Amino acid sequence: MNRIATLRIAAGLVALAAACTPPEPPPPRPAKAQEAVDQPGSLAEDPQAKHANRTDGLTGGTLVFEDQFERGEIGDQWTVKHAGEWTVDNGALKATVVAEEEARNQGLWLNKPLPAKVRVVFQSRSLSKVGDTKCEIFATEQKHEAGYSIIFGGWSNTINTITRRGEHEPTRVIQSEHQKVEQGRTYTWTVVRTDNAVRWYIDGRFMIAYDDAEAVRGTFFGFNNWATDVRFDNVQVYAL
């Protein structure tokens, strides 16, 4: 056997081994809030408990922006970072899957700055079983991971999380009792900030909050996408 044939076989074996390597498991989930109640003293106090029953910011305020995407083009109220990735389809914002990984996660960004105290409401619908719908909020610039990322059904529908300046950051907050994204179902998101905590709700149900003593105070909001067939619609921004 000549040297070239030997190298080709070796390369094939390496590729086969890589293909058979199982995906990295998701990180462990934090302790459930109910466990902390049932076993006082055995677990640290649930940091989410103090936000779960809050109602401030969920109602009221002044509507300062609204978009129902009832038109043919995205328009100048938004900045598209990757040409062709975002379009308007049947009255909703459509994310087109980008083949090149390096071009993903660039986002569609609202050009109107967010108020310091704000409630953002919108709808999402994933047409994929992997879920993976997300937005970015309070970014300091119209750039991925410049603020907080909120991810519903990330990592093949295994994690719901809020992250700060990085989707893989070690202090990201992960929902303990995971709610999976159902394919084709429309969800209403509500994101509120009135202090240092970014609070996230789905269909009126509290998901998680990111309590940040050194809060990122950017003013940009955007939608983002990795590789999911997803729709967004009916965006509302309220100054609180």
C-alpha atoms as a PDB file:
ATOM      1  CA  MET A   1       0.000   0.000   0.000  1.00  0.00           C
ATOM      2  CA  ASN A   2       1.483   3.363  -0.956  1.00  0.00           C
ATOM      3  CA  ARG A   3       1.829   6.331   1.393  1.00  0.00           C
ATOM      4  CA  ILE A   4      -1.052   8.329  -0.181  1.00  0.00           C
ATOM      5  CA  ALA A   5      -3.502   5.435   0.239  1.00  0.00           C
ATOM      6  CA  THR A   6      -2.400   5.014   3.862  1.00  0.00           C
ATOM      7  CA  LEU A   7      -3.015   8.701   4.596  1.00  0.00           C
ATOM      8  CA  ARG A   8      -6.450   8.553   2.986  1.00  0.00           C
ATOM      9  CA  ILE A   9      -7.472   5.579   5.138  1.00  0.00           C
ATOM     10  CA  ALA A  10      -6.194   7.299   8.281  1.00  0.00           C
ATOM     11  CA  ALA A  11      -8.143  10.458   7.432  1.00  0.00           C
ATOM     12  CA  GLY A  12     -11.268   8.389   6.864  1.00  0.00           C
ATOM     13  CA  LEU A  13     -10.930   6.707  10.261  1.00  0.00           C
ATOM     14  CA  VAL A  14     -10.551  10.072  11.988  1.00  0.00           C
ATOM     15  CA  ALA A  15     -13.659  11.418  10.242  1.00  0.00           C
ATOM     16  CA  LEU A  16     -15.630   8.309  11.207  1.00  0.00           C
ATOM     17  CA  ALA A  17     -14.605   8.625  14.839  1.00  0.00           C
ATOM     18  CA  ALA A  18     -15.672  12.275  14.882  1.00  0.00           C
ATOM     19  CA  ALA A  19     -19.022  11.440  13.333  1.00  0.00           C
ATOM     20  CA  CYS A  20     -19.681   8.800  16.012  1.00  0.00           C
ATOM     21  CA  THR A  21     -18.777  11.065  18.933  1.00  0.00           C
ATOM     22  CA  PRO A  22     -21.937  11.794  20.944  1.00  0.00           C
ATOM     23  CA  PRO A  23     -22.907  15.456  21.458  1.00  0.00           C
ATOM     24  CA  GLU A  24     -21.762  17.126  24.631  1.00  0.00           C
ATOM     25  CA  PRO A  25     -24.492  16.813  27.294  1.00  0.00           C
ATOM     26  CA  PRO A  26     -26.221  19.980  28.516  1.00  0.00           C
ATOM     27  CA  PRO A  27     -25.023  21.452  31.820  1.00  0.00           C
ATOM     28  CA  PRO A  28     -26.802  20.411  35.028  1.00  0.00           C
ATOM     29  CA  ARG A  29     -29.898  22.351  35.970  1.00  0.00           C
ATOM     30  CA  PRO A  30     -30.068  24.448  39.163  1.00  0.00           C
ATOM     31  CA  ALA A  31     -32.034  23.186  42.144  1.00  0.00           C
ATOM     32  CA  LYS A  32     -35.806  23.481  41.871  1.00  0.00           C
ATOM     33  CA  ALA A  33     -37.476  26.241  43.833  1.00  0.00           C
ATOM     34  CA  GLN A  34     -39.858  23.763  45.479  1.00  0.00           C
ATOM     35  CA  GLU A  35     -36.967  21.675  46.807  1.00  0.00           C
ATOM     36  CA  ALA A  36     -35.684  24.693  48.669  1.00  0.00           C
ATOM     37  CA  VAL A  37     -39.133  25.116  50.266  1.00  0.00           C
ATOM     38  CA  ASP A  38     -39.536  21.420  51.142  1.00  0.00           C
ATOM     39  CA  GLN A  39     -36.040  21.084  52.545  1.00  0.00           C
ATOM     40  CA  PRO A  40     -35.190  24.350  54.285  1.00  0.00           C
ATOM     41  CA  GLY A  41     -31.535  24.637  55.148  1.00  0.00           C
ATOM     42  CA  SER A  42     -30.525  21.743  52.873  1.00  0.00           C
ATOM     43  CA  LEU A  43     -30.283  23.922  49.767  1.00  0.00           C
ATOM     44  CA  ALA A  44     -29.224  27.491  49.221  1.00  0.00           C
ATOM     45  CA  GLU A  45     -32.101  29.948  48.890  1.00  0.00           C
ATOM     46  CA  ASP A  46     -33.489  29.898  45.365  1.00  0.00           C
ATOM     47  CA  PRO A  47     -32.292  33.132  43.719  1.00  0.00           C
ATOM     48  CA  GLN A  48     -35.286  33.028  41.351  1.00  0.00           C
ATOM     49  CA  ALA A  49     -37.926  32.930  44.097  1.00  0.00           C
ATOM     50  CA  LYS A  50     -37.838  36.647  44.816  1.00  0.00           C
ATOM     51  CA  HIS A  51     -38.637  37.444  41.184  1.00  0.00           C
ATOM     52  CA  ALA A  52     -41.221  34.752  40.489  1.00  0.00           C
ATOM     53  CA  ASN A  53     -44.081  36.585  42.230  1.00  0.00           C
ATOM     54  CA  ARG A  54     -43.224  40.097  41.103  1.00  0.00           C
ATOM     55  CA  THR A  55     -45.854  41.930  39.103  1.00  0.00           C
ATOM     56  CA  ASP A  56     -44.216  45.342  38.670  1.00  0.00           C
ATOM     57  CA  GLY A  57     -43.789  46.252  35.026  1.00  0.00           C
ATOM     58  CA  LEU A  58     -46.122  43.559  33.714  1.00  0.00           C
ATOM     59  CA  THR A  59     -48.869  46.087  33.019  1.00  0.00           C
ATOM     60  CA  GLY A  60     -49.120  49.802  32.353  1.00  0.00           C
ATOM     61  CA  GLY A  61     -46.565  52.057  30.781  1.00  0.00           C
ATOM     62  CA  THR A  62     -46.599  54.014  27.529  1.00  0.00           C
ATOM     63  CA  LEU A  63     -46.480  52.253  24.173  1.00  0.00           C
ATOM     64  CA  VAL A  64     -43.471  53.782  22.372  1.00  0.00           C
ATOM     65  CA  PHE A  65     -43.038  51.291  19.534  1.00  0.00           C
ATOM     66  CA  GLU A  66     -45.131  48.674  17.739  1.00  0.00           C
ATOM     67  CA  ASP A  67     -44.596  46.540  14.650  1.00  0.00           C
ATOM     68  CA  GLN A  68     -46.960  43.910  13.264  1.00  0.00           C
ATOM     69  CA  PHE A  69     -44.961  43.371  10.044  1.00  0.00           C
ATOM     70  CA  GLU A  70     -48.042  43.793   7.855  1.00  0.00           C
ATOM     71  CA  ARG A  71     -46.021  44.790   4.794  1.00  0.00           C
ATOM     72  CA  GLY A  72     -43.730  43.375   2.166  1.00  0.00           C
ATOM     73  CA  GLU A  73     -40.368  44.699   3.384  1.00  0.00           C
ATOM     74  CA  ILE A  74     -38.672  44.918   6.768  1.00  0.00           C
ATOM     75  CA  GLY A  75     -38.255  48.696   6.514  1.00  0.00           C
ATOM     76  CA  ASP A  76     -35.861  51.221   7.972  1.00  0.00           C
ATOM     77  CA  GLN A  77     -36.969  50.736  11.582  1.00  0.00           C
ATOM     78  CA  TRP A  78     -34.735  47.677  11.681  1.00  0.00           C
ATOM     79  CA  THR A  79     -31.114  46.970  10.760  1.00  0.00           C
ATOM     80  CA  VAL A  80     -30.375  43.674   8.991  1.00  0.00           C
ATOM     81  CA  LYS A  81     -26.832  42.533   9.721  1.00  0.00           C
ATOM     82  CA  HIS A  82     -26.697  39.746   7.146  1.00  0.00           C
ATOM     83  CA  ALA A  83     -28.374  40.375   3.797  1.00  0.00           C
ATOM     84  CA  GLY A  84     -31.128  37.891   3.024  1.00  0.00           C
ATOM     85  CA  GLU A  85     -31.298  36.336   6.476  1.00  0.00           C
ATOM     86  CA  TRP A  86     -34.440  38.222   7.520  1.00  0.00           C
ATOM     87  CA  THR A  87     -37.590  38.768   5.459  1.00  0.00           C
ATOM     88  CA  VAL A  88     -41.271  39.517   5.980  1.00  0.00           C
ATOM     89  CA  ASP A  89     -43.463  36.533   5.149  1.00  0.00           C
ATOM     90  CA  ASN A  90     -47.295  36.573   5.419  1.00  0.00           C
ATOM     91  CA  GLY A  91     -47.346  39.329   8.021  1.00  0.00           C
ATOM     92  CA  ALA A  92     -44.547  37.957  10.208  1.00  0.00           C
ATOM     93  CA  LEU A  93     -40.790  38.276  10.455  1.00  0.00           C
ATOM     94  CA  LYS A  94     -39.058  35.191   9.036  1.00  0.00           C
ATOM     95  CA  ALA A  95     -35.537  34.057   9.836  1.00  0.00           C
ATOM     96  CA  THR A  96     -33.910  32.250   6.937  1.00  0.00           C
ATOM     97  CA  VAL A  97     -31.299  29.673   7.885  1.00  0.00           C
ATOM     98  CA  VAL A  98     -27.834  30.834   6.820  1.00  0.00           C
ATOM     99  CA  ALA A  99     -25.576  28.081   5.496  1.00  0.00           C
ATOM    100  CA  GLU A 100     -22.299  29.655   6.622  1.00  0.00           C
ATOM    101  CA  GLU A 101     -21.922  29.310  10.393  1.00  0.00           C
ATOM    102  CA  GLU A 102     -19.674  32.366  10.635  1.00  0.00           C
ATOM    103  CA  ALA A 103     -22.506  34.512   9.229  1.00  0.00           C
ATOM    104  CA  ARG A 104     -25.115  33.384  11.762  1.00  0.00           C
ATOM    105  CA  ASN A 105     -26.137  35.170  14.970  1.00  0.00           C
ATOM    106  CA  GLN A 106     -25.676  38.610  13.422  1.00  0.00           C
ATOM    107  CA  GLY A 107     -29.292  39.475  14.072  1.00  0.00           C
ATOM    108  CA  LEU A 108     -32.024  41.888  13.128  1.00  0.00           C
ATOM    109  CA  TRP A 109     -31.832  44.992  15.305  1.00  0.00           C
ATOM    110  CA  LEU A 110     -34.433  47.576  16.248  1.00  0.00           C
ATOM    111  CA  ASN A 111     -33.127  51.063  15.532  1.00  0.00           C
ATOM    112  CA  LYS A 112     -35.282  52.754  18.185  1.00  0.00           C
ATOM    113  CA  PRO A 113     -33.442  52.764  21.542  1.00  0.00           C
ATOM    114  CA  LEU A 114     -35.093  51.042  24.490  1.00  0.00           C
ATOM    115  CA  PRO A 115     -36.123  53.032  27.568  1.00  0.00           C
ATOM    116  CA  ALA A 116     -34.183  52.314  30.770  1.00  0.00           C
ATOM    117  CA  LYS A 117     -37.311  50.853  32.366  1.00  0.00           C
ATOM    118  CA  VAL A 118     -39.151  48.845  29.776  1.00  0.00           C
ATOM    119  CA  ARG A 119     -41.466  45.989  28.873  1.00  0.00           C
ATOM    120  CA  VAL A 120     -40.935  44.295  25.503  1.00  0.00           C
ATOM    121  CA  VAL A 121     -43.642  41.967  24.195  1.00  0.00           C
ATOM    122  CA  PHE A 122     -43.597  39.856  21.021  1.00  0.00           C
ATOM    123  CA  GLN A 123     -44.642  36.495  19.606  1.00  0.00           C
ATOM    124  CA  SER A 124     -42.504  33.642  18.327  1.00  0.00           C
ATOM    125  CA  ARG A 125     -43.209  30.409  16.471  1.00  0.00           C
ATOM    126  CA  SER A 126     -40.579  27.764  15.750  1.00  0.00           C
ATOM    127  CA  LEU A 127     -41.303  25.457  12.836  1.00  0.00           C
ATOM    128  CA  SER A 128     -38.480  23.158  13.896  1.00  0.00           C
ATOM    129  CA  LYS A 129     -38.417  20.424  16.535  1.00  0.00           C
ATOM    130  CA  VAL A 130     -35.194  21.865  17.929  1.00  0.00           C
ATOM    131  CA  GLY A 131     -36.978  25.003  19.197  1.00  0.00           C
ATOM    132  CA  ASP A 132     -34.076  27.432  19.534  1.00  0.00           C
ATOM    133  CA  THR A 133     -35.778  30.845  19.421  1.00  0.00           C
ATOM    134  CA  LYS A 134     -33.997  33.839  20.872  1.00  0.00           C
ATOM    135  CA  CYS A 135     -33.747  37.572  21.256  1.00  0.00           C
ATOM    136  CA  GLU A 136     -31.065  39.949  22.525  1.00  0.00           C
ATOM    137  CA  ILE A 137     -31.788  42.905  24.759  1.00  0.00           C
ATOM    138  CA  PHE A 138     -29.980  45.847  26.387  1.00  0.00           C
ATOM    139  CA  ALA A 139     -27.052  45.414  24.020  1.00  0.00           C
ATOM    140  CA  THR A 140     -24.524  48.249  24.022  1.00  0.00           C
ATOM    141  CA  GLU A 141     -24.269  47.970  20.233  1.00  0.00           C
ATOM    142  CA  GLN A 142     -26.133  46.173  17.459  1.00  0.00           C
ATOM    143  CA  LYS A 143     -23.971  43.119  17.860  1.00  0.00           C
ATOM    144  CA  HIS A 144     -24.388  39.543  19.088  1.00  0.00           C
ATOM    145  CA  GLU A 145     -23.489  39.063  22.769  1.00  0.00           C
ATOM    146  CA  ALA A 146     -23.251  42.789  23.505  1.00  0.00           C
ATOM    147  CA  GLY A 147     -26.000  42.558  26.142  1.00  0.00           C
ATOM    148  CA  TYR A 148     -28.295  39.778  27.338  1.00  0.00           C
ATOM    149  CA  SER A 149     -29.370  36.835  25.181  1.00  0.00           C
ATOM    150  CA  ILE A 150     -32.662  35.119  26.023  1.00  0.00           C
ATOM    151  CA  ILE A 151     -32.899  31.636  24.524  1.00  0.00           C
ATOM    152  CA  PHE A 152     -36.028  29.468  24.466  1.00  0.00           C
ATOM    153  CA  GLY A 153     -35.294  25.837  23.599  1.00  0.00           C
ATOM    154  CA  GLY A 154     -31.591  26.225  22.976  1.00  0.00           C
ATOM    155  CA  TRP A 155     -29.126  23.382  22.457  1.00  0.00           C
ATOM    156  CA  SER A 156     -31.665  21.142  20.667  1.00  0.00           C
ATOM    157  CA  ASN A 157     -34.564  22.137  22.928  1.00  0.00           C
ATOM    158  CA  THR A 158     -32.797  21.282  26.198  1.00  0.00           C
ATOM    159  CA  ILE A 159     -32.088  24.684  27.771  1.00  0.00           C
ATOM    160  CA  ASN A 160     -33.997  27.886  28.455  1.00  0.00           C
ATOM    161  CA  THR A 161     -31.552  30.544  29.570  1.00  0.00           C
ATOM    162  CA  ILE A 162     -30.645  34.208  29.985  1.00  0.00           C
ATOM    163  CA  THR A 163     -26.981  34.911  29.375  1.00  0.00           C
ATOM    164  CA  ARG A 164     -24.850  38.016  29.814  1.00  0.00           C
ATOM    165  CA  ARG A 165     -22.383  38.979  27.068  1.00  0.00           C
ATOM    166  CA  GLY A 166     -21.944  35.383  25.933  1.00  0.00           C
ATOM    167  CA  GLU A 167     -24.237  32.399  25.368  1.00  0.00           C
ATOM    168  CA  HIS A 168     -21.755  30.007  27.003  1.00  0.00           C
ATOM    169  CA  GLU A 169     -20.823  32.191  29.966  1.00  0.00           C
ATOM    170  CA  PRO A 170     -20.516  30.240  33.257  1.00  0.00           C
ATOM    171  CA  THR A 171     -22.979  32.442  35.155  1.00  0.00           C
ATOM    172  CA  ARG A 172     -25.836  32.121  32.666  1.00  0.00           C
ATOM    173  CA  VAL A 173     -29.194  31.475  34.340  1.00  0.00           C
ATOM    174  CA  ILE A 174     -30.907  28.232  33.267  1.00  0.00           C
ATOM    175  CA  GLN A 175     -34.532  27.341  33.958  1.00  0.00           C
ATOM    176  CA  SER A 176     -34.604  24.450  36.446  1.00  0.00           C
ATOM    177  CA  GLU A 177     -37.803  22.783  35.220  1.00  0.00           C
ATOM    178  CA  HIS A 178     -37.299  22.929  31.482  1.00  0.00           C
ATOM    179  CA  GLN A 179     -40.255  23.922  29.301  1.00  0.00           C
ATOM    180  CA  LYS A 180     -39.757  22.592  25.772  1.00  0.00           C
ATOM    181  CA  VAL A 181     -40.671  24.599  22.686  1.00  0.00           C
ATOM    182  CA  GLU A 182     -43.536  22.904  20.836  1.00  0.00           C
ATOM    183  CA  GLN A 183     -43.116  22.863  17.072  1.00  0.00           C
ATOM    184  CA  GLY A 184     -45.570  25.223  15.351  1.00  0.00           C
ATOM    185  CA  ARG A 185     -46.966  26.714  18.559  1.00  0.00           C
ATOM    186  CA  THR A 186     -47.136  30.508  18.932  1.00  0.00           C
ATOM    187  CA  TYR A 187     -45.709  31.854  22.194  1.00  0.00           C
ATOM    188  CA  THR A 188     -46.008  35.338  23.662  1.00  0.00           C
ATOM    189  CA  TRP A 189     -42.801  36.622  25.229  1.00  0.00           C
ATOM    190  CA  THR A 190     -42.642  39.379  27.836  1.00  0.00           C
ATOM    191  CA  VAL A 191     -39.295  40.801  28.949  1.00  0.00           C
ATOM    192  CA  VAL A 192     -39.270  43.391  31.752  1.00  0.00           C
ATOM    193  CA  ARG A 193     -36.611  45.445  33.461  1.00  0.00           C
ATOM    194  CA  THR A 194     -37.385  48.036  36.132  1.00  0.00           C
ATOM    195  CA  ASP A 195     -34.194  47.623  38.210  1.00  0.00           C
ATOM    196  CA  ASN A 196     -31.099  45.406  37.843  1.00  0.00           C
ATOM    197  CA  ALA A 197     -33.012  42.238  36.964  1.00  0.00           C
ATOM    198  CA  VAL A 198     -34.019  41.129  33.466  1.00  0.00           C
ATOM    199  CA  ARG A 199     -37.250  39.125  33.928  1.00  0.00           C
ATOM    200  CA  TRP A 200     -38.628  36.781  31.275  1.00  0.00           C
ATOM    201  CA  TYR A 201     -42.146  35.398  30.876  1.00  0.00           C
ATOM    202  CA  ILE A 202     -43.734  33.048  28.324  1.00  0.00           C
ATOM    203  CA  ASP A 203     -47.520  33.275  27.886  1.00  0.00           C
ATOM    204  CA  GLY A 204     -47.692  35.135  31.191  1.00  0.00           C
ATOM    205  CA  ARG A 205     -45.727  32.463  33.090  1.00  0.00           C
ATOM    206  CA  PHE A 206     -42.514  33.453  34.830  1.00  0.00           C
ATOM    207  CA  MET A 207     -39.533  31.658  33.304  1.00  0.00           C
ATOM    208  CA  ILE A 208     -36.342  33.046  34.868  1.00  0.00           C
ATOM    209  CA  ALA A 209     -34.636  36.300  35.766  1.00  0.00           C
ATOM    210  CA  TYR A 210     -31.045  37.461  35.467  1.00  0.00           C
ATOM    211  CA  ASP A 211     -30.264  39.573  38.535  1.00  0.00           C
ATOM    212  CA  ASP A 212     -27.182  41.601  37.698  1.00  0.00           C
ATOM    213  CA  ALA A 213     -25.477  43.885  40.217  1.00  0.00           C
ATOM    214  CA  GLU A 214     -23.445  45.348  37.346  1.00  0.00           C
ATOM    215  CA  ALA A 215     -26.264  45.457  34.821  1.00  0.00           C
ATOM    216  CA  VAL A 216     -25.512  46.028  31.161  1.00  0.00           C
ATOM    217  CA  ARG A 217     -27.270  49.307  30.315  1.00  0.00           C
ATOM    218  CA  GLY A 218     -27.350  49.148  26.544  1.00  0.00           C
ATOM    219  CA  THR A 219     -30.390  50.337  24.577  1.00  0.00           C
ATOM    220  CA  PHE A 220     -30.517  47.908  21.648  1.00  0.00           C
ATOM    221  CA  PHE A 221     -33.015  45.087  21.103  1.00  0.00           C
ATOM    222  CA  GLY A 222     -32.795  42.446  18.391  1.00  0.00           C
ATOM    223  CA  PHE A 223     -33.902  39.050  17.165  1.00  0.00           C
ATOM    224  CA  ASN A 224     -31.330  36.406  16.431  1.00  0.00           C
ATOM    225  CA  ASN A 225     -31.116  32.945  14.930  1.00  0.00           C
ATOM    226  CA  TRP A 226     -28.628  30.120  14.657  1.00  0.00           C
ATOM    227  CA  ALA A 227     -30.183  27.549  12.330  1.00  0.00           C
ATOM    228  CA  THR A 228     -33.944  27.435  12.977  1.00  0.00           C
ATOM    229  CA  ASP A 229     -36.984  28.060  10.790  1.00  0.00           C
ATOM    230  CA  VAL A 230     -38.654  30.602  13.084  1.00  0.00           C
ATOM    231  CA  ARG A 231     -41.152  33.478  12.907  1.00  0.00           C
ATOM    232  CA  PHE A 232     -41.486  36.597  15.079  1.00  0.00           C
ATOM    233  CA  ASP A 233     -44.430  38.981  15.173  1.00  0.00           C
ATOM    234  CA  ASN A 234     -46.390  41.701  16.993  1.00  0.00           C
ATOM    235  CA  VAL A 235     -43.558  43.557  18.730  1.00  0.00           C
ATOM    236  CA  GLN A 236     -44.516  46.101  21.393  1.00  0.00           C
ATOM    237  CA  VAL A 237     -42.231  48.257  23.507  1.00  0.00           C
ATOM    238  CA  TYR A 238     -43.583  50.024  26.615  1.00  0.00           C
ATOM    239  CA  ALA A 239     -41.732  52.703  28.580  1.00  0.00           C
ATOM    240  CA  LEU A 240     -42.332  52.117  32.308  1.00  0.00           C
END
